[in-house]
Amino acid sequence: MKTIVNTIALKAILITVMFLTTAVIQAQKQNIEVNASLGTLKQINAGLLNVGYTEAGPSTGTPVILLHGWPYDIHSYEEVVPILVSKGYRVITPYLRGSGTTTFLSKDTFRNGQQAALASDIIAFMDALKIDKAIIGGFDWGARTAVVMAALWPERLKGLVSVSGYLVVNLEANLKPLSPKAELGWWYQYYFATERGKLGYTQNTYEFNKQIWQIASPLWKFNKATYDQTAQSFDNPDHVAIVIHNYRWRQSLEPGESKYDSLEKRLASRPAIIVPTITIASDFDGAYADGKSYADKFTAKYEHRILKGIGHNVPQEDPKAFAQAIIDVDGLKN
């Protein structure tokens, strides 16, 4: 009996080593170079993933987790992190699934881009790091993930900073057409709905995402080095699959996973956010920049800020404003 138990234990150890080795090899193959201002690049198993993340600042500081969007990566925060570290925060910037050195532990896991899956990833990530509560900030996919976390697990957030406000996806509402002008802004979603779009994105990821940067931030004069630093994250083996599924799921063209159904049902009711929040709007938000369309969804201490002449990548275009929002939300008390 003892021999059997030892054999089972040995197999478990070998499987764990195999997973860790695979993740390290994949990270090495991607040859990701991270800006030193973000801190040290690390890897940790969390939920379905081996998560790549950077960490900077004192281990005893208030945890701040910064979430990037698409098609961006953790380098959106390269100037935000030093500001927060100088104030004593422990700042953590994880690569979302399908980006950078974050990989799936199993080749059989469905490459799911739905909102509940991404938010569950970060909760599992916090559990793995033994972080009970953190300030969560984000933009684009990162803002949506942060808001979903606040809606479903408010006890895990000390504060929330969300660019573009209340970004929870409502599948039923997404079936309703917008004005032609508004529809034009979502052209890539319709492109991704086709097999031609999937093939086009696969073949032209670098140029496609660069075009998104230019459209979303027309006044931001980023250079090739800045873009290339982030573009290395798109070489992730699951990048295309996650992006395509995310946008097809939003249009109800592909299903999510049943294990997230209860979470999505709660999100469909458009729950209020009961943690202290600062929302940020920019030129990207157009007519919705005043925040009035979602202000009533934030029922705790709440502020809304508008940045002029700034596009969608707020933390990289105006790092001081974003960092200040993190610092200020820490001071909002219910």
Foldseek 3Di string as FASTA:
>chain_A
DVVVVVVVVVVVVVLVVVLVVVLVVLLVVLVADDDCLQADWDWPDFPFKTKTKHKDADPPFAEEEEEEAPPFAQVLQSVQSVVVNVVRHIYMYIGFPLWRSMDGSDPPDQLAQALLVRLSRVVRVCVRVVQQAHEYEYFHSSLQSQLLCLQPPVRRYQEYEYEPAHPQQALVVLQDDDPPVVVVVVVLLVLLLDPNSLVVCVVPVLVVRVVVVCVQQVLDDDDPVSSVSGVSTNVRPSNSVNVSNHSCVSNVNDDGDPVCVVSVVSVNVLAARAHQYEYEYEVSNPPCRVVPVCPVSHDAHYYYYYDYSGGRSCCNRPVVVRSVRSVVSSVGDD
